[in-house]
Amino acid sequence: MKITVYTTVACPYCDMLMEYLDEKGFEYETKRVDESNEIREEMAQNSGGFLGVPFTCITQEDGTAEGVIGFDKNKLNSLLGIE
């Protein structure tokens, strides 16, 4: 499983999301949309045009990917297999 968190430098919800993933022991990659137009465009493509942060893309081993808008703990738990 690959987890990518799209974030900005001053996003408290992004910080809460990353702290939650750290607490649960998940590794993830962060991509700062405020540093690169390419990353912002990548996030927009993966999110169906959503431009707010945090946006998390979770890619399963079979290649299927799902996005989570905001810090939606219930959806994250479901996709990550956390009860």
PDB file of N, CA and C in Angstrom:
ATOM      1  N   MET A   1       0.838  -1.168   0.000  1.00  0.00           N
ATOM      2  CA  MET A   1       0.000   0.000   0.000  1.00  0.00           C
ATOM      3  C   MET A   1       0.888   1.237   0.000  1.00  0.00           C
ATOM      4  N   LYS A   2       0.491   2.227  -0.800  1.00  0.00           N
ATOM      5  CA  LYS A   2       1.217   3.493  -0.852  1.00  0.00           C
ATOM      6  C   LYS A   2       0.260   4.604  -0.443  1.00  0.00           C
ATOM      7  N   ILE A   3       0.720   5.468   0.461  1.00  0.00           N
ATOM      8  CA  ILE A   3      -0.085   6.579   0.939  1.00  0.00           C
ATOM      9  C   ILE A   3       0.632   7.874   0.575  1.00  0.00           C
ATOM     10  N   THR A   4      -0.092   8.751  -0.117  1.00  0.00           N
ATOM     11  CA  THR A   4       0.441  10.052  -0.470  1.00  0.00           C
ATOM     12  C   THR A   4      -0.462  11.113   0.134  1.00  0.00           C
ATOM     13  N   VAL A   5       0.127  12.035   0.892  1.00  0.00           N
ATOM     14  CA  VAL A   5      -0.622  13.123   1.512  1.00  0.00           C
ATOM     15  C   VAL A   5      -0.214  14.427   0.829  1.00  0.00           C
ATOM     16  N   TYR A   6      -1.206  15.066   0.216  1.00  0.00           N
ATOM     17  CA  TYR A   6      -0.985  16.382  -0.387  1.00  0.00           C
ATOM     18  C   TYR A   6      -1.279  17.423   0.687  1.00  0.00           C
ATOM     19  N   THR A   7      -0.352  18.363   0.872  1.00  0.00           N
ATOM     20  CA  THR A   7      -0.413  19.277   2.001  1.00  0.00           C
ATOM     21  C   THR A   7       0.138  20.648   1.620  1.00  0.00           C
ATOM     22  N   THR A   8       0.045  21.573   2.568  1.00  0.00           N
ATOM     23  CA  THR A   8       0.708  22.874   2.466  1.00  0.00           C
ATOM     24  C   THR A   8       1.463  23.113   3.767  1.00  0.00           C
ATOM     25  N   VAL A   9       2.268  24.155   3.797  1.00  0.00           N
ATOM     26  CA  VAL A   9       3.096  24.430   4.966  1.00  0.00           C
ATOM     27  C   VAL A   9       2.265  24.825   6.189  1.00  0.00           C
ATOM     28  N   ALA A  10       1.148  25.490   5.989  1.00  0.00           N
ATOM     29  CA  ALA A  10       0.376  26.019   7.126  1.00  0.00           C
ATOM     30  C   ALA A  10      -1.025  25.415   7.171  1.00  0.00           C
ATOM     31  N   CYS A  11      -1.102  24.107   7.272  1.00  0.00           N
ATOM     32  CA  CYS A  11      -2.394  23.414   7.268  1.00  0.00           C
ATOM     33  C   CYS A  11      -2.528  22.590   8.539  1.00  0.00           C
ATOM     34  N   PRO A  12      -3.327  23.059   9.514  1.00  0.00           N
ATOM     35  CA  PRO A  12      -3.457  22.313  10.766  1.00  0.00           C
ATOM     36  C   PRO A  12      -4.106  20.942  10.583  1.00  0.00           C
ATOM     37  N   TYR A  13      -5.034  20.820   9.632  1.00  0.00           N
ATOM     38  CA  TYR A  13      -5.674  19.519   9.404  1.00  0.00           C
ATOM     39  C   TYR A  13      -4.697  18.536   8.768  1.00  0.00           C
ATOM     40  N   CYS A  14      -3.794  19.057   7.961  1.00  0.00           N
ATOM     41  CA  CYS A  14      -2.736  18.215   7.386  1.00  0.00           C
ATOM     42  C   CYS A  14      -1.856  17.666   8.504  1.00  0.00           C
ATOM     43  N   ASP A  15      -1.494  18.544   9.436  1.00  0.00           N
ATOM     44  CA  ASP A  15      -0.667  18.121  10.564  1.00  0.00           C
ATOM     45  C   ASP A  15      -1.374  17.050  11.390  1.00  0.00           C
ATOM     46  N   MET A  16      -2.679  17.254  11.630  1.00  0.00           N
ATOM     47  CA  MET A  16      -3.445  16.264  12.400  1.00  0.00           C
ATOM     48  C   MET A  16      -3.486  14.923  11.667  1.00  0.00           C
ATOM     49  N   LEU A  17      -3.681  14.955  10.358  1.00  0.00           N
ATOM     50  CA  LEU A  17      -3.717  13.735   9.552  1.00  0.00           C
ATOM     51  C   LEU A  17      -2.390  13.001   9.618  1.00  0.00           C
ATOM     52  N   MET A  18      -1.291  13.722   9.449  1.00  0.00           N
ATOM     53  CA  MET A  18       0.018  13.076   9.463  1.00  0.00           C
ATOM     54  C   MET A  18       0.365  12.545  10.855  1.00  0.00           C
ATOM     55  N   GLU A  19      -0.028  13.257  11.894  1.00  0.00           N
ATOM     56  CA  GLU A  19       0.169  12.753  13.262  1.00  0.00           C
ATOM     57  C   GLU A  19      -0.626  11.463  13.475  1.00  0.00           C
ATOM     58  N   TYR A  20      -1.826  11.415  12.936  1.00  0.00           N
ATOM     59  CA  TYR A  20      -2.660  10.218  13.053  1.00  0.00           C
ATOM     60  C   TYR A  20      -2.003   9.031  12.345  1.00  0.00           C
ATOM     61  N   LEU A  21      -1.521   9.249  11.124  1.00  0.00           N
ATOM     62  CA  LEU A  21      -0.842   8.173  10.388  1.00  0.00           C
ATOM     63  C   LEU A  21       0.413   7.719  11.118  1.00  0.00           C
ATOM     64  N   ASP A  22       1.163   8.664  11.677  1.00  0.00           N
ATOM     65  CA  ASP A  22       2.360   8.321  12.459  1.00  0.00           C
ATOM     66  C   ASP A  22       1.970   7.476  13.668  1.00  0.00           C
ATOM     67  N   GLU A  23       0.932   7.910  14.359  1.00  0.00           N
ATOM     68  CA  GLU A  23       0.459   7.202  15.561  1.00  0.00           C
ATOM     69  C   GLU A  23       0.049   5.763  15.236  1.00  0.00           C
ATOM     70  N   LYS A  24      -0.528   5.573  14.051  1.00  0.00           N
ATOM     71  CA  LYS A  24      -0.982   4.237  13.641  1.00  0.00           C
ATOM     72  C   LYS A  24       0.120   3.424  12.974  1.00  0.00           C
ATOM     73  N   GLY A  25       1.296   4.022  12.778  1.00  0.00           N
ATOM     74  CA  GLY A  25       2.441   3.291  12.244  1.00  0.00           C
ATOM     75  C   GLY A  25       2.494   3.176  10.733  1.00  0.00           C
ATOM     76  N   PHE A  26       1.832   4.067  10.019  1.00  0.00           N
ATOM     77  CA  PHE A  26       1.841   4.017   8.559  1.00  0.00           C
ATOM     78  C   PHE A  26       2.913   4.943   8.004  1.00  0.00           C
ATOM     79  N   GLU A  27       3.595   4.470   6.969  1.00  0.00           N
ATOM     80  CA  GLU A  27       4.538   5.304   6.239  1.00  0.00           C
ATOM     81  C   GLU A  27       3.785   5.982   5.118  1.00  0.00           C
ATOM     82  N   TYR A  28       4.173   7.196   4.799  1.00  0.00           N
ATOM     83  CA  TYR A  28       3.496   7.959   3.757  1.00  0.00           C
ATOM     84  C   TYR A  28       4.470   8.948   3.141  1.00  0.00           C
ATOM     85  N   GLU A  29       4.114   9.393   1.955  1.00  0.00           N
ATOM     86  CA  GLU A  29       4.886  10.416   1.259  1.00  0.00           C
ATOM     87  C   GLU A  29       4.082  11.707   1.327  1.00  0.00           C
ATOM     88  N   THR A  30       4.748  12.816   1.599  1.00  0.00           N
ATOM     89  CA  THR A  30       4.060  14.106   1.567  1.00  0.00           C
ATOM     90  C   THR A  30       4.462  14.851   0.301  1.00  0.00           C
ATOM     91  N   LYS A  31       3.484  15.544  -0.256  1.00  0.00           N
ATOM     92  CA  LYS A  31       3.730  16.381  -1.423  1.00  0.00           C
ATOM     93  C   LYS A  31       3.106  17.735  -1.142  1.00  0.00           C
ATOM     94  N   ARG A  32       3.931  18.776  -1.195  1.00  0.00           N
ATOM     95  CA  ARG A  32       3.484  20.128  -0.880  1.00  0.00           C
ATOM     96  C   ARG A  32       2.961  20.820  -2.136  1.00  0.00           C
ATOM     97  N   VAL A  33       1.656  21.044  -2.178  1.00  0.00           N
ATOM     98  CA  VAL A  33       1.043  21.672  -3.346  1.00  0.00           C
ATOM     99  C   VAL A  33       1.371  23.158  -3.437  1.00  0.00           C
ATOM    100  N   ASP A  34       1.843  23.750  -2.338  1.00  0.00           N
ATOM    101  CA  ASP A  34       2.205  25.165  -2.363  1.00  0.00           C
ATOM    102  C   ASP A  34       3.632  25.394  -2.857  1.00  0.00           C
ATOM    103  N   GLU A  35       4.338  24.341  -3.183  1.00  0.00           N
ATOM    104  CA  GLU A  35       5.712  24.467  -3.662  1.00  0.00           C
ATOM    105  C   GLU A  35       5.875  24.195  -5.152  1.00  0.00           C
ATOM    106  N   SER A  36       4.833  23.591  -5.780  1.00  0.00           N
ATOM    107  CA  SER A  36       5.020  23.150  -7.156  1.00  0.00           C
ATOM    108  C   SER A  36       3.689  23.107  -7.908  1.00  0.00           C
ATOM    109  N   ASN A  37       3.677  23.743  -9.076  1.00  0.00           N
ATOM    110  CA  ASN A  37       2.491  23.657  -9.935  1.00  0.00           C
ATOM    111  C   ASN A  37       2.264  22.231 -10.404  1.00  0.00           C
ATOM    112  N   GLU A  38       3.349  21.490 -10.638  1.00  0.00           N
ATOM    113  CA  GLU A  38       3.215  20.098 -11.086  1.00  0.00           C
ATOM    114  C   GLU A  38       2.514  19.257 -10.028  1.00  0.00           C
ATOM    115  N   ILE A  39       2.886  19.449  -8.763  1.00  0.00           N
ATOM    116  CA  ILE A  39       2.256  18.684  -7.683  1.00  0.00           C
ATOM    117  C   ILE A  39       0.798  19.104  -7.532  1.00  0.00           C
ATOM    118  N   ARG A  40       0.517  20.398  -7.639  1.00  0.00           N
ATOM    119  CA  ARG A  40      -0.866  20.875  -7.556  1.00  0.00           C
ATOM    120  C   ARG A  40      -1.715  20.261  -8.676  1.00  0.00           C
ATOM    121  N   GLU A  41      -1.171  20.202  -9.888  1.00  0.00           N
ATOM    122  CA  GLU A  41      -1.882  19.597 -11.015  1.00  0.00           C
ATOM    123  C   GLU A  41      -2.072  18.094 -10.803  1.00  0.00           C
ATOM    124  N   GLU A  42      -1.046  17.436 -10.265  1.00  0.00           N
ATOM    125  CA  GLU A  42      -1.141  16.008  -9.962  1.00  0.00           C
ATOM    126  C   GLU A  42      -2.275  15.750  -8.966  1.00  0.00           C
ATOM    127  N   MET A  43      -2.339  16.570  -7.906  1.00  0.00           N
ATOM    128  CA  MET A  43      -3.389  16.410  -6.908  1.00  0.00           C
ATOM    129  C   MET A  43      -4.758  16.645  -7.533  1.00  0.00           C
ATOM    130  N   ALA A  44      -4.882  17.676  -8.349  1.00  0.00           N
ATOM    131  CA  ALA A  44      -6.165  17.971  -8.997  1.00  0.00           C
ATOM    132  C   ALA A  44      -6.609  16.801  -9.874  1.00  0.00           C
ATOM    133  N   GLN A  45      -5.674  16.180 -10.564  1.00  0.00           N
ATOM    134  CA  GLN A  45      -6.000  15.032 -11.405  1.00  0.00           C
ATOM    135  C   GLN A  45      -6.439  13.843 -10.547  1.00  0.00           C
ATOM    136  N   ASN A  46      -5.723  13.580  -9.465  1.00  0.00           N
ATOM    137  CA  ASN A  46      -6.040  12.442  -8.597  1.00  0.00           C
ATOM    138  C   ASN A  46      -7.315  12.653  -7.791  1.00  0.00           C
ATOM    139  N   SER A  47      -7.669  13.919  -7.532  1.00  0.00           N
ATOM    140  CA  SER A  47      -8.815  14.214  -6.672  1.00  0.00           C
ATOM    141  C   SER A  47     -10.076  14.568  -7.441  1.00  0.00           C
ATOM    142  N   GLY A  48     -10.016  14.524  -8.763  1.00  0.00           N
ATOM    143  CA  GLY A  48     -11.173  14.905  -9.550  1.00  0.00           C
ATOM    144  C   GLY A  48     -11.413  16.405  -9.549  1.00  0.00           C
ATOM    145  N   GLY A  49     -10.344  17.182  -9.371  1.00  0.00           N
ATOM    146  CA  GLY A  49     -10.432  18.631  -9.427  1.00  0.00           C
ATOM    147  C   GLY A  49     -10.460  19.318  -8.073  1.00  0.00           C
ATOM    148  N   PHE A  50     -10.497  18.560  -6.995  1.00  0.00           N
ATOM    149  CA  PHE A  50     -10.494  19.141  -5.660  1.00  0.00           C
ATOM    150  C   PHE A  50      -9.140  19.780  -5.398  1.00  0.00           C
ATOM    151  N   LEU A  51      -9.129  20.992  -4.864  1.00  0.00           N
ATOM    152  CA  LEU A  51      -7.870  21.694  -4.647  1.00  0.00           C
ATOM    153  C   LEU A  51      -7.590  22.017  -3.186  1.00  0.00           C
ATOM    154  N   GLY A  52      -8.416  21.546  -2.260  1.00  0.00           N
ATOM    155  CA  GLY A  52      -8.172  21.788  -0.839  1.00  0.00           C
ATOM    156  C   GLY A  52      -7.250  20.728  -0.263  1.00  0.00           C
ATOM    157  N   VAL A  53      -6.651  21.054   0.860  1.00  0.00           N
ATOM    158  CA  VAL A  53      -5.784  20.104   1.557  1.00  0.00           C
ATOM    159  C   VAL A  53      -6.301  19.897   2.973  1.00  0.00           C
ATOM    160  N   PRO A  54      -6.042  18.763   3.573  1.00  0.00           N
ATOM    161  CA  PRO A  54      -5.276  17.654   3.013  1.00  0.00           C
ATOM    162  C   PRO A  54      -6.108  16.832   2.030  1.00  0.00           C
ATOM    163  N   PHE A  55      -5.415  16.262   1.083  1.00  0.00           N
ATOM    164  CA  PHE A  55      -5.986  15.245   0.203  1.00  0.00           C
ATOM    165  C   PHE A  55      -5.040  14.058   0.277  1.00  0.00           C
ATOM    166  N   THR A  56      -5.591  12.888   0.562  1.00  0.00           N
ATOM    167  CA  THR A  56      -4.784  11.683   0.702  1.00  0.00           C
ATOM    168  C   THR A  56      -5.153  10.695  -0.397  1.00  0.00           C
ATOM    169  N   CYS A  57      -4.155  10.176  -1.076  1.00  0.00           N
ATOM    170  CA  CYS A  57      -4.361   9.152  -2.097  1.00  0.00           C
ATOM    171  C   CYS A  57      -3.775   7.844  -1.557  1.00  0.00           C
ATOM    172  N   ILE A  58      -4.631   6.828  -1.481  1.00  0.00           N
ATOM    173  CA  ILE A  58      -4.209   5.525  -0.972  1.00  0.00           C
ATOM    174  C   ILE A  58      -4.271   4.531  -2.126  1.00  0.00           C
ATOM    175  N   THR A  59      -3.105   4.005  -2.503  1.00  0.00           N
ATOM    176  CA  THR A  59      -3.020   3.049  -3.601  1.00  0.00           C
ATOM    177  C   THR A  59      -2.772   1.665  -3.011  1.00  0.00           C
ATOM    178  N   GLN A  60      -3.670   0.746  -3.307  1.00  0.00           N
ATOM    179  CA  GLN A  60      -3.567  -0.620  -2.791  1.00  0.00           C
ATOM    180  C   GLN A  60      -2.567  -1.411  -3.626  1.00  0.00           C
ATOM    181  N   GLU A  61      -2.212  -2.597  -3.148  1.00  0.00           N
ATOM    182  CA  GLU A  61      -1.242  -3.456  -3.838  1.00  0.00           C
ATOM    183  C   GLU A  61      -1.689  -3.824  -5.252  1.00  0.00           C
ATOM    184  N   ASP A  62      -3.008  -3.895  -5.481  1.00  0.00           N
ATOM    185  CA  ASP A  62      -3.513  -4.267  -6.811  1.00  0.00           C
ATOM    186  C   ASP A  62      -3.569  -3.078  -7.764  1.00  0.00           C
ATOM    187  N   GLY A  63      -3.129  -1.896  -7.297  1.00  0.00           N
ATOM    188  CA  GLY A  63      -3.085  -0.721  -8.148  1.00  0.00           C
ATOM    189  C   GLY A  63      -4.302   0.181  -8.055  1.00  0.00           C
ATOM    190  N   THR A  64      -5.348  -0.272  -7.384  1.00  0.00           N
ATOM    191  CA  THR A  64      -6.513   0.589  -7.231  1.00  0.00           C
ATOM    192  C   THR A  64      -6.186   1.712  -6.255  1.00  0.00           C
ATOM    193  N   ALA A  65      -6.699   2.893  -6.579  1.00  0.00           N
ATOM    194  CA  ALA A  65      -6.419   4.060  -5.742  1.00  0.00           C
ATOM    195  C   ALA A  65      -7.724   4.729  -5.342  1.00  0.00           C
ATOM    196  N   GLU A  66      -7.756   5.201  -4.113  1.00  0.00           N
ATOM    197  CA  GLU A  66      -8.902   5.957  -3.617  1.00  0.00           C
ATOM    198  C   GLU A  66      -8.388   7.191  -2.918  1.00  0.00           C
ATOM    199  N   GLY A  67      -9.164   8.254  -3.017  1.00  0.00           N
ATOM    200  CA  GLY A  67      -8.796   9.503  -2.388  1.00  0.00           C
ATOM    201  C   GLY A  67      -9.643   9.799  -1.170  1.00  0.00           C
ATOM    202  N   VAL A  68      -9.050  10.524  -0.243  1.00  0.00           N
ATOM    203  CA  VAL A  68      -9.742  10.964   0.963  1.00  0.00           C
ATOM    204  C   VAL A  68      -9.588  12.476   1.041  1.00  0.00           C
ATOM    205  N   ILE A  69     -10.709  13.177   1.008  1.00  0.00           N
ATOM    206  CA  ILE A  69     -10.710  14.625   1.103  1.00  0.00           C
ATOM    207  C   ILE A  69     -10.769  15.016   2.574  1.00  0.00           C
ATOM    208  N   GLY A  70      -9.868  15.891   2.985  1.00  0.00           N
ATOM    209  CA  GLY A  70      -9.839  16.347   4.367  1.00  0.00           C
ATOM    210  C   GLY A  70      -9.299  15.276   5.302  1.00  0.00           C
ATOM    211  N   PHE A  71      -9.500  15.495   6.588  1.00  0.00           N
ATOM    212  CA  PHE A  71      -9.076  14.521   7.601  1.00  0.00           C
ATOM    213  C   PHE A  71     -10.319  13.735   8.011  1.00  0.00           C
ATOM    214  N   ASP A  72     -10.715  12.821   7.117  1.00  0.00           N
ATOM    215  CA  ASP A  72     -11.903  11.982   7.312  1.00  0.00           C
ATOM    216  C   ASP A  72     -11.441  10.667   7.941  1.00  0.00           C
ATOM    217  N   LYS A  73     -11.428  10.651   9.269  1.00  0.00           N
ATOM    218  CA  LYS A  73     -10.877   9.512  10.003  1.00  0.00           C
ATOM    219  C   LYS A  73     -11.622   8.214   9.687  1.00  0.00           C
ATOM    220  N   ASN A  74     -12.943   8.271   9.538  1.00  0.00           N
ATOM    221  CA  ASN A  74     -13.716   7.056   9.247  1.00  0.00           C
ATOM    222  C   ASN A  74     -13.339   6.466   7.896  1.00  0.00           C
ATOM    223  N   LYS A  75     -13.212   7.300   6.875  1.00  0.00           N
ATOM    224  CA  LYS A  75     -12.837   6.792   5.551  1.00  0.00           C
ATOM    225  C   LYS A  75     -11.399   6.280   5.556  1.00  0.00           C
ATOM    226  N   LEU A  76     -10.513   7.022   6.227  1.00  0.00           N
ATOM    227  CA  LEU A  76      -9.127   6.561   6.332  1.00  0.00           C
ATOM    228  C   LEU A  76      -9.062   5.188   7.000  1.00  0.00           C
ATOM    229  N   ASN A  77      -9.757   5.061   8.115  1.00  0.00           N
ATOM    230  CA  ASN A  77      -9.754   3.781   8.838  1.00  0.00           C
ATOM    231  C   ASN A  77     -10.249   2.660   7.947  1.00  0.00           C
ATOM    232  N   SER A  78     -11.302   2.903   7.184  1.00  0.00           N
ATOM    233  CA  SER A  78     -11.855   1.885   6.296  1.00  0.00           C
ATOM    234  C   SER A  78     -10.837   1.476   5.230  1.00  0.00           C
ATOM    235  N   LEU A  79     -10.216   2.447   4.582  1.00  0.00           N
ATOM    236  CA  LEU A  79      -9.264   2.144   3.517  1.00  0.00           C
ATOM    237  C   LEU A  79      -7.974   1.515   4.036  1.00  0.00           C
ATOM    238  N   LEU A  80      -7.593   1.885   5.263  1.00  0.00           N
ATOM    239  CA  LEU A  80      -6.340   1.372   5.836  1.00  0.00           C
ATOM    240  C   LEU A  80      -6.529   0.103   6.663  1.00  0.00           C
ATOM    241  N   GLY A  81      -7.769  -0.322   6.821  1.00  0.00           N
ATOM    242  CA  GLY A  81      -8.038  -1.539   7.589  1.00  0.00           C
ATOM    243  C   GLY A  81      -7.892  -1.349   9.074  1.00  0.00           C
ATOM    244  N   ILE A  82      -8.151  -0.153   9.567  1.00  0.00           N
ATOM    245  CA  ILE A  82      -8.085   0.135  11.008  1.00  0.00           C
ATOM    246  C   ILE A  82      -9.490   0.013  11.574  1.00  0.00           C
ATOM    247  N   GLU A  83      -9.596  -0.699  12.688  1.00  0.00           N
ATOM    248  CA  GLU A  83     -10.918  -0.828  13.308  1.00  0.00           C
ATOM    249  C   GLU A  83     -11.077   0.130  14.456  1.00  0.00           C
TER     250      GLU A  83
END
